[in-house]
Amino acid sequence: YPANVRADWFIRPADFFKLRSLSIHIPIPSKFTGGSEATF
């Protein structure tokens, strides 16, 4: 009921976990780049 709603009722424990980052690095051989180094 909107008349009963107060900000006090919505204090929550804030514990959380996140997978912050995930990366894959693939070096590209020079034969595909004409001699220079590159990474995907």
All heavy atoms as atom14 arrays in JSON, in Angstrom:
{
  "sequence": "YPANVRADWFIRPADFFKLRSLSIHIPIPSKFTGGSEATF",
  "atom14_mask": [
    [1, 1, 1, 1, 1, 1, 1, 1, 1, 1, 1, 1, 0, 0],
    [1, 1, 1, 1, 1, 1, 1, 0, 0, 0, 0, 0, 0, 0],
    [1, 1, 1, 1, 1, 0, 0, 0, 0, 0, 0, 0, 0, 0],
    [1, 1, 1, 1, 1, 1, 1, 1, 0, 0, 0, 0, 0, 0],
    [1, 1, 1, 1, 1, 1, 1, 0, 0, 0, 0, 0, 0, 0],
    [1, 1, 1, 1, 1, 1, 1, 1, 1, 1, 1, 0, 0, 0],
    [1, 1, 1, 1, 1, 0, 0, 0, 0, 0, 0, 0, 0, 0],
    [1, 1, 1, 1, 1, 1, 1, 1, 0, 0, 0, 0, 0, 0],
    [1, 1, 1, 1, 1, 1, 1, 1, 1, 1, 1, 1, 1, 1],
    [1, 1, 1, 1, 1, 1, 1, 1, 1, 1, 1, 0, 0, 0],
    [1, 1, 1, 1, 1, 1, 1, 1, 0, 0, 0, 0, 0, 0],
    [1, 1, 1, 1, 1, 1, 1, 1, 1, 1, 1, 0, 0, 0],
    [1, 1, 1, 1, 1, 1, 1, 0, 0, 0, 0, 0, 0, 0],
    [1, 1, 1, 1, 1, 0, 0, 0, 0, 0, 0, 0, 0, 0],
    [1, 1, 1, 1, 1, 1, 1, 1, 0, 0, 0, 0, 0, 0],
    [1, 1, 1, 1, 1, 1, 1, 1, 1, 1, 1, 0, 0, 0],
    [1, 1, 1, 1, 1, 1, 1, 1, 1, 1, 1, 0, 0, 0],
    [1, 1, 1, 1, 1, 1, 1, 1, 1, 0, 0, 0, 0, 0],
    [1, 1, 1, 1, 1, 1, 1, 1, 0, 0, 0, 0, 0, 0],
    [1, 1, 1, 1, 1, 1, 1, 1, 1, 1, 1, 0, 0, 0],
    [1, 1, 1, 1, 1, 1, 0, 0, 0, 0, 0, 0, 0, 0],
    [1, 1, 1, 1, 1, 1, 1, 1, 0, 0, 0, 0, 0, 0],
    [1, 1, 1, 1, 1, 1, 0, 0, 0, 0, 0, 0, 0, 0],
    [1, 1, 1, 1, 1, 1, 1, 1, 0, 0, 0, 0, 0, 0],
    [1, 1, 1, 1, 1, 1, 1, 1, 1, 1, 0, 0, 0, 0],
    [1, 1, 1, 1, 1, 1, 1, 1, 0, 0, 0, 0, 0, 0],
    [1, 1, 1, 1, 1, 1, 1, 0, 0, 0, 0, 0, 0, 0],
    [1, 1, 1, 1, 1, 1, 1, 1, 0, 0, 0, 0, 0, 0],
    [1, 1, 1, 1, 1, 1, 1, 0, 0, 0, 0, 0, 0, 0],
    [1, 1, 1, 1, 1, 1, 0, 0, 0, 0, 0, 0, 0, 0],
    [1, 1, 1, 1, 1, 1, 1, 1, 1, 0, 0, 0, 0, 0],
    [1, 1, 1, 1, 1, 1, 1, 1, 1, 1, 1, 0, 0, 0],
    [1, 1, 1, 1, 1, 1, 1, 0, 0, 0, 0, 0, 0, 0],
    [1, 1, 1, 1, 0, 0, 0, 0, 0, 0, 0, 0, 0, 0],
    [1, 1, 1, 1, 0, 0, 0, 0, 0, 0, 0, 0, 0, 0],
    [1, 1, 1, 1, 1, 1, 0, 0, 0, 0, 0, 0, 0, 0],
    [1, 1, 1, 1, 1, 1, 1, 1, 1, 0, 0, 0, 0, 0],
    [1, 1, 1, 1, 1, 0, 0, 0, 0, 0, 0, 0, 0, 0],
    [1, 1, 1, 1, 1, 1, 1, 0, 0, 0, 0, 0, 0, 0],
    [1, 1, 1, 1, 1, 1, 1, 1, 1, 1, 1, 0, 0, 0]
  ],
  "atom14_positions": [
    [[0.85, -1.19, 0.0], [0.0, 0.0, 0.0], [0.89, 1.24, 0.0], [1.71, 1.43, 0.91], [-0.9, 0.02, 1.23], [-1.79, -1.21, 1.34], [-1.43, -2.27, 2.17], [-2.98, -1.29, 0.62], [-2.24, -3.38, 2.28], [-3.81, -2.39, 0.73], [-3.43, -3.45, 1.56], [-4.23, -4.55, 1.66], [0.0, 0.0, 0.0], [0.0, 0.0, 0.0]],
    [[0.76, 2.12, -1.0], [1.63, 3.3, -1.08], [1.67, 4.13, 0.19], [2.72, 4.7, 0.54], [1.03, 4.1, -2.25], [0.4, 3.05, -3.12], [-0.15, 2.02, -2.17], [0.0, 0.0, 0.0], [0.0, 0.0, 0.0], [0.0, 0.0, 0.0], [0.0, 0.0, 0.0], [0.0, 0.0, 0.0], [0.0, 0.0, 0.0], [0.0, 0.0, 0.0]],
    [[0.56, 4.2, 0.92], [0.53, 5.0, 2.15], [1.44, 4.43, 3.23], [1.86, 5.16, 4.14], [-0.91, 5.09, 2.67], [0.0, 0.0, 0.0], [0.0, 0.0, 0.0], [0.0, 0.0, 0.0], [0.0, 0.0, 0.0], [0.0, 0.0, 0.0], [0.0, 0.0, 0.0], [0.0, 0.0, 0.0], [0.0, 0.0, 0.0], [0.0, 0.0, 0.0]],
    [[1.74, 3.13, 3.14], [2.59, 2.49, 4.16], [4.06, 2.47, 3.78], [4.91, 2.13, 4.61], [2.13, 1.04, 4.4], [0.73, 0.96, 4.97], [0.21, 1.94, 5.5], [0.11, -0.21, 4.86], [0.0, 0.0, 0.0], [0.0, 0.0, 0.0], [0.0, 0.0, 0.0], [0.0, 0.0, 0.0], [0.0, 0.0, 0.0], [0.0, 0.0, 0.0]],
    [[4.36, 2.8, 2.54], [5.73, 2.66, 2.05], [6.62, 3.77, 2.6], [6.27, 4.94, 2.55], [5.76, 2.69, 0.5], [7.19, 2.67, -0.01], [4.98, 1.5, -0.05], [0.0, 0.0, 0.0], [0.0, 0.0, 0.0], [0.0, 0.0, 0.0], [0.0, 0.0, 0.0], [0.0, 0.0, 0.0], [0.0, 0.0, 0.0], [0.0, 0.0, 0.0]],
    [[7.79, 3.36, 3.14], [8.78, 4.3, 3.65], [10.16, 3.9, 3.14], [10.42, 2.71, 2.92], [8.78, 4.32, 5.18], [7.53, 4.94, 5.78], [7.5, 4.73, 7.28], [8.77, 5.03, 7.91], [9.06, 4.77, 9.19], [8.14, 4.2, 9.96], [10.25, 5.07, 9.69], [0.0, 0.0, 0.0], [0.0, 0.0, 0.0], [0.0, 0.0, 0.0]],
    [[11.03, 4.86, 3.0], [12.38, 4.56, 2.54], [13.1, 3.6, 3.48], [13.93, 2.8, 3.05], [13.18, 5.86, 2.42], [0.0, 0.0, 0.0], [0.0, 0.0, 0.0], [0.0, 0.0, 0.0], [0.0, 0.0, 0.0], [0.0, 0.0, 0.0], [0.0, 0.0, 0.0], [0.0, 0.0, 0.0], [0.0, 0.0, 0.0], [0.0, 0.0, 0.0]],
    [[12.75, 3.63, 4.77], [13.41, 2.76, 5.76], [13.27, 1.28, 5.42], [14.11, 0.47, 5.83], [12.8, 3.01, 7.14], [12.99, 4.43, 7.6], [12.39, 5.35, 7.0], [13.73, 4.65, 8.57], [0.0, 0.0, 0.0], [0.0, 0.0, 0.0], [0.0, 0.0, 0.0], [0.0, 0.0, 0.0], [0.0, 0.0, 0.0], [0.0, 0.0, 0.0]],
    [[12.21, 0.91, 4.73], [11.96, -0.53, 4.49], [12.88, -1.1, 3.41], [12.84, -2.29, 3.15], [10.51, -0.76, 4.07], [9.42, -0.16, 4.88], [8.2, 0.24, 4.42], [9.4, 0.11, 6.29], [7.43, 0.74, 5.44], [8.15, 0.67, 6.61], [10.34, -0.06, 7.31], [7.79, 1.05, 7.89], [9.99, 0.33, 8.61], [8.74, 0.87, 8.88]],
    [[13.73, -0.28, 2.8], [14.48, -0.74, 1.63], [15.99, -0.62, 1.83], [16.72, -0.22, 0.94], [14.02, 0.0, 0.38], [12.54, -0.11, 0.15], [11.68, 0.91, 0.51], [12.01, -1.29, -0.36], [10.32, 0.79, 0.34], [10.64, -1.42, -0.53], [9.79, -0.38, -0.19], [0.0, 0.0, 0.0], [0.0, 0.0, 0.0], [0.0, 0.0, 0.0]],
    [[16.45, -0.98, 3.02], [17.88, -1.11, 3.3], [18.27, -2.56, 3.05], [17.71, -3.48, 3.64], [18.21, -0.72, 4.75], [17.72, 0.71, 5.03], [19.7, -0.85, 5.02], [18.37, 1.76, 4.16], [0.0, 0.0, 0.0], [0.0, 0.0, 0.0], [0.0, 0.0, 0.0], [0.0, 0.0, 0.0], [0.0, 0.0, 0.0], [0.0, 0.0, 0.0]],
    [[19.21, -2.78, 2.16], [19.56, -4.14, 1.74], [21.02, -4.45, 2.05], [21.88, -3.56, 1.92], [19.36, -4.32, 0.22], [18.11, -3.7, -0.35], [16.88, -4.46, 0.01], [15.77, -4.07, -0.85], [14.51, -4.47, -0.65], [14.22, -5.25, 0.37], [13.55, -4.08, -1.46], [0.0, 0.0, 0.0], [0.0, 0.0, 0.0], [0.0, 0.0, 0.0]],
    [[21.33, -5.69, 2.44], [22.74, -6.1, 2.46], [23.27, -6.08, 1.03], [22.62, -6.56, 0.1], [22.69, -7.51, 3.03], [21.29, -7.98, 2.81], [20.43, -6.77, 2.85], [0.0, 0.0, 0.0], [0.0, 0.0, 0.0], [0.0, 0.0, 0.0], [0.0, 0.0, 0.0], [0.0, 0.0, 0.0], [0.0, 0.0, 0.0], [0.0, 0.0, 0.0]],
    [[24.44, -5.5, 0.82], [24.92, -5.22, -0.53], [26.0, -6.19, -1.01], [26.69, -5.9, -1.98], [25.45, -3.79, -0.6], [0.0, 0.0, 0.0], [0.0, 0.0, 0.0], [0.0, 0.0, 0.0], [0.0, 0.0, 0.0], [0.0, 0.0, 0.0], [0.0, 0.0, 0.0], [0.0, 0.0, 0.0], [0.0, 0.0, 0.0], [0.0, 0.0, 0.0]],
    [[26.15, -7.35, -0.38], [27.16, -8.32, -0.8], [26.95, -8.72, -2.26], [25.81, -8.97, -2.68], [27.08, -9.59, 0.06], [27.19, -9.29, 1.55], [26.42, -8.43, 2.02], [28.01, -9.91, 2.22], [0.0, 0.0, 0.0], [0.0, 0.0, 0.0], [0.0, 0.0, 0.0], [0.0, 0.0, 0.0], [0.0, 0.0, 0.0], [0.0, 0.0, 0.0]],
    [[28.03, -8.79, -3.02], [27.92, -9.2, -4.42], [29.24, -9.78, -4.9], [30.3, -9.57, -4.31], [27.5, -8.03, -5.32], [28.6, -7.0, -5.53], [29.49, -7.12, -6.59], [28.74, -5.92, -4.67], [30.5, -6.19, -6.79], [29.74, -4.99, -4.86], [30.62, -5.12, -5.92], [0.0, 0.0, 0.0], [0.0, 0.0, 0.0], [0.0, 0.0, 0.0]],
    [[29.15, -10.52, -6.0], [30.33, -11.03, -6.69], [30.18, -10.69, -8.17], [29.08, -10.82, -8.74], [30.48, -12.54, -6.53], [31.56, -13.13, -7.41], [32.88, -13.13, -7.0], [31.25, -13.66, -8.66], [33.88, -13.64, -7.81], [32.25, -14.18, -9.47], [33.56, -14.17, -9.04], [0.0, 0.0, 0.0], [0.0, 0.0, 0.0], [0.0, 0.0, 0.0]],
    [[31.29, -10.27, -8.8], [31.27, -9.99, -10.23], [32.48, -10.63, -10.9], [33.58, -10.64, -10.34], [31.31, -8.48, -10.5], [29.98, -7.78, -10.34], [30.07, -6.33, -10.8], [28.72, -5.64, -10.7], [28.78, -4.23, -11.2], [0.0, 0.0, 0.0], [0.0, 0.0, 0.0], [0.0, 0.0, 0.0], [0.0, 0.0, 0.0], [0.0, 0.0, 0.0]],
    [[32.23, -11.18, -12.07], [33.33, -11.57, -12.94], [33.79, -10.29, -13.63], [33.2, -9.85, -14.62], [32.87, -12.61, -13.96], [33.93, -13.12, -14.94], [35.1, -13.75, -14.2], [33.32, -14.09, -15.95], [0.0, 0.0, 0.0], [0.0, 0.0, 0.0], [0.0, 0.0, 0.0], [0.0, 0.0, 0.0], [0.0, 0.0, 0.0], [0.0, 0.0, 0.0]],
    [[34.83, -9.68, -13.07], [35.23, -8.36, -13.52], [35.77, -8.36, -14.95], [35.51, -7.44, -15.72], [36.3, -7.8, -12.58], [35.79, -7.43, -11.2], [34.82, -6.29, -11.25], [34.52, -5.76, -9.93], [33.63, -4.83, -9.69], [32.9, -4.33, -10.68], [33.41, -4.39, -8.47], [0.0, 0.0, 0.0], [0.0, 0.0, 0.0], [0.0, 0.0, 0.0]],
    [[36.53, -9.38, -15.3], [37.12, -9.38, -16.64], [37.4, -10.8, -17.11], [37.7, -11.69, -16.3], [38.41, -8.55, -16.67], [39.39, -9.12, -15.83], [0.0, 0.0, 0.0], [0.0, 0.0, 0.0], [0.0, 0.0, 0.0], [0.0, 0.0, 0.0], [0.0, 0.0, 0.0], [0.0, 0.0, 0.0], [0.0, 0.0, 0.0], [0.0, 0.0, 0.0]],
    [[37.33, -11.0, -18.39], [37.7, -12.25, -19.06], [38.31, -11.89, -20.4], [37.69, -11.18, -21.19], [36.47, -13.15, -19.25], [36.71, -14.45, -20.02], [37.66, -15.37, -19.25], [35.39, -15.17, -20.3], [0.0, 0.0, 0.0], [0.0, 0.0, 0.0], [0.0, 0.0, 0.0], [0.0, 0.0, 0.0], [0.0, 0.0, 0.0], [0.0, 0.0, 0.0]],
    [[39.55, -12.33, -20.63], [40.27, -11.93, -21.84], [40.94, -13.13, -22.49], [41.41, -14.04, -21.8], [41.34, -10.87, -21.52], [40.76, -9.72, -20.96], [0.0, 0.0, 0.0], [0.0, 0.0, 0.0], [0.0, 0.0, 0.0], [0.0, 0.0, 0.0], [0.0, 0.0, 0.0], [0.0, 0.0, 0.0], [0.0, 0.0, 0.0], [0.0, 0.0, 0.0]],
    [[40.98, -13.11, -23.81], [41.7, -14.11, -24.6], [42.63, -13.36, -25.55], [42.19, -12.46, -26.28], [40.73, -15.0, -25.4], [39.75, -15.72, -24.45], [41.5, -16.02, -26.22], [38.68, -16.51, -25.18], [0.0, 0.0, 0.0], [0.0, 0.0, 0.0], [0.0, 0.0, 0.0], [0.0, 0.0, 0.0], [0.0, 0.0, 0.0], [0.0, 0.0, 0.0]],
    [[43.91, -13.69, -25.5], [44.91, -13.03, -26.35], [45.5, -14.08, -27.31], [46.02, -15.1, -26.87], [46.03, -12.42, -25.5], [45.53, -11.46, -24.46], [45.3, -10.14, -24.74], [45.22, -11.65, -23.16], [44.87, -9.54, -23.64], [44.82, -10.44, -22.67], [0.0, 0.0, 0.0], [0.0, 0.0, 0.0], [0.0, 0.0, 0.0], [0.0, 0.0, 0.0]],
    [[45.4, -13.79, -28.59], [45.88, -14.72, -29.62], [46.93, -14.02, -30.47], [46.6, -13.11, -31.25], [44.72, -15.21, -30.51], [43.6, -15.82, -29.65], [45.22, -16.21, -31.54], [42.38, -16.21, -30.45], [0.0, 0.0, 0.0], [0.0, 0.0, 0.0], [0.0, 0.0, 0.0], [0.0, 0.0, 0.0], [0.0, 0.0, 0.0], [0.0, 0.0, 0.0]],
    [[48.2, -14.37, -30.32], [49.24, -13.79, -31.19], [49.02, -14.21, -32.65], [48.67, -15.37, -32.93], [50.54, -14.38, -30.63], [50.2, -14.84, -29.25], [48.77, -15.27, -29.3], [0.0, 0.0, 0.0], [0.0, 0.0, 0.0], [0.0, 0.0, 0.0], [0.0, 0.0, 0.0], [0.0, 0.0, 0.0], [0.0, 0.0, 0.0], [0.0, 0.0, 0.0]],
    [[49.2, -13.29, -33.55], [49.03, -13.57, -34.98], [50.42, -13.76, -35.6], [51.25, -12.85, -35.52], [48.28, -12.43, -35.67], [46.89, -12.26, -35.04], [48.14, -12.7, -37.17], [46.11, -11.1, -35.6], [0.0, 0.0, 0.0], [0.0, 0.0, 0.0], [0.0, 0.0, 0.0], [0.0, 0.0, 0.0], [0.0, 0.0, 0.0], [0.0, 0.0, 0.0]],
    [[50.7, -14.92, -36.17], [52.03, -15.17, -36.76], [52.38, -14.13, -37.81], [51.51, -13.59, -38.52], [51.87, -16.56, -37.38], [50.76, -17.2, -36.6], [49.81, -16.08, -36.27], [0.0, 0.0, 0.0], [0.0, 0.0, 0.0], [0.0, 0.0, 0.0], [0.0, 0.0, 0.0], [0.0, 0.0, 0.0], [0.0, 0.0, 0.0], [0.0, 0.0, 0.0]],
    [[53.68, -13.86, -37.92], [54.14, -12.82, -38.84], [53.84, -13.14, -40.3], [53.72, -12.23, -41.12], [55.64, -12.61, -38.65], [56.35, -13.82, -38.88], [0.0, 0.0, 0.0], [0.0, 0.0, 0.0], [0.0, 0.0, 0.0], [0.0, 0.0, 0.0], [0.0, 0.0, 0.0], [0.0, 0.0, 0.0], [0.0, 0.0, 0.0], [0.0, 0.0, 0.0]],
    [[53.7, -14.43, -40.61], [53.41, -14.78, -42.01], [52.03, -14.28, -42.45], [51.75, -14.19, -43.65], [53.52, -16.28, -42.21], [52.52, -17.1, -41.43], [52.72, -18.59, -41.69], [51.73, -19.45, -40.92], [51.95, -20.9, -41.17], [0.0, 0.0, 0.0], [0.0, 0.0, 0.0], [0.0, 0.0, 0.0], [0.0, 0.0, 0.0], [0.0, 0.0, 0.0]],
    [[51.16, -13.99, -41.47], [49.84, -13.46, -41.81], [49.79, -11.94, -41.78], [48.81, -11.33, -42.17], [48.78, -14.02, -40.86], [48.6, -15.51, -40.94], [48.79, -16.3, -39.82], [48.26, -16.12, -42.13], [48.63, -17.67, -39.88], [48.1, -17.5, -42.22], [48.29, -18.27, -41.09], [0.0, 0.0, 0.0], [0.0, 0.0, 0.0], [0.0, 0.0, 0.0]],
    [[50.86, -11.32, -41.26], [50.85, -9.86, -41.1], [51.91, -9.17, -41.93], [52.08, -7.95, -41.83], [51.07, -9.49, -39.62], [52.35, -9.97, -39.21], [49.98, -10.09, -38.74], [0.0, 0.0, 0.0], [0.0, 0.0, 0.0], [0.0, 0.0, 0.0], [0.0, 0.0, 0.0], [0.0, 0.0, 0.0], [0.0, 0.0, 0.0], [0.0, 0.0, 0.0]],
    [[52.67, -9.91, -42.69], [53.7, -9.3, -43.51], [54.95, -8.95, -42.75], [55.68, -8.06, -43.18], [0.0, 0.0, 0.0], [0.0, 0.0, 0.0], [0.0, 0.0, 0.0], [0.0, 0.0, 0.0], [0.0, 0.0, 0.0], [0.0, 0.0, 0.0], [0.0, 0.0, 0.0], [0.0, 0.0, 0.0], [0.0, 0.0, 0.0], [0.0, 0.0, 0.0]],
    [[55.17, -9.57, -41.59], [56.41, -9.36, -40.86], [56.27, -8.62, -39.55], [57.12, -8.73, -38.68], [0.0, 0.0, 0.0], [0.0, 0.0, 0.0], [0.0, 0.0, 0.0], [0.0, 0.0, 0.0], [0.0, 0.0, 0.0], [0.0, 0.0, 0.0], [0.0, 0.0, 0.0], [0.0, 0.0, 0.0], [0.0, 0.0, 0.0], [0.0, 0.0, 0.0]],
    [[55.22, -7.85, -39.36], [55.04, -7.13, -38.1], [54.29, -8.0, -37.08], [53.6, -8.95, -37.45], [54.26, -5.83, -38.34], [52.98, -6.12, -38.88], [0.0, 0.0, 0.0], [0.0, 0.0, 0.0], [0.0, 0.0, 0.0], [0.0, 0.0, 0.0], [0.0, 0.0, 0.0], [0.0, 0.0, 0.0], [0.0, 0.0, 0.0], [0.0, 0.0, 0.0]],
    [[54.46, -7.68, -35.79], [53.79, -8.43, -34.74], [52.37, -7.9, -34.53], [52.12, -6.71, -34.64], [54.59, -8.32, -33.44], [55.97, -8.95, -33.5], [56.69, -8.85, -32.17], [56.12, -8.22, -31.24], [57.79, -9.39, -32.06], [0.0, 0.0, 0.0], [0.0, 0.0, 0.0], [0.0, 0.0, 0.0], [0.0, 0.0, 0.0], [0.0, 0.0, 0.0]],
    [[51.48, -8.8, -34.2], [50.09, -8.41, -33.95], [49.46, -9.41, -32.99], [49.9, -10.57, -32.88], [49.3, -8.34, -35.25], [0.0, 0.0, 0.0], [0.0, 0.0, 0.0], [0.0, 0.0, 0.0], [0.0, 0.0, 0.0], [0.0, 0.0, 0.0], [0.0, 0.0, 0.0], [0.0, 0.0, 0.0], [0.0, 0.0, 0.0], [0.0, 0.0, 0.0]],
    [[48.46, -8.97, -32.28], [47.73, -9.82, -31.33], [46.25, -9.52, -31.45], [45.84, -8.35, -31.47], [48.19, -9.56, -29.88], [49.6, -9.8, -29.78], [47.47, -10.48, -28.92], [0.0, 0.0, 0.0], [0.0, 0.0, 0.0], [0.0, 0.0, 0.0], [0.0, 0.0, 0.0], [0.0, 0.0, 0.0], [0.0, 0.0, 0.0], [0.0, 0.0, 0.0]],
    [[45.47, -10.57, -31.52], [44.01, -10.44, -31.5], [43.54, -10.65, -30.06], [43.89, -11.65, -29.43], [43.35, -11.47, -32.41], [41.85, -11.48, -32.31], [41.08, -10.54, -32.98], [41.21, -12.44, -31.53], [39.71, -10.55, -32.88], [39.82, -12.46, -31.43], [39.08, -11.51, -32.11], [0.0, 0.0, 0.0], [0.0, 0.0, 0.0], [0.0, 0.0, 0.0]]
  ]
}
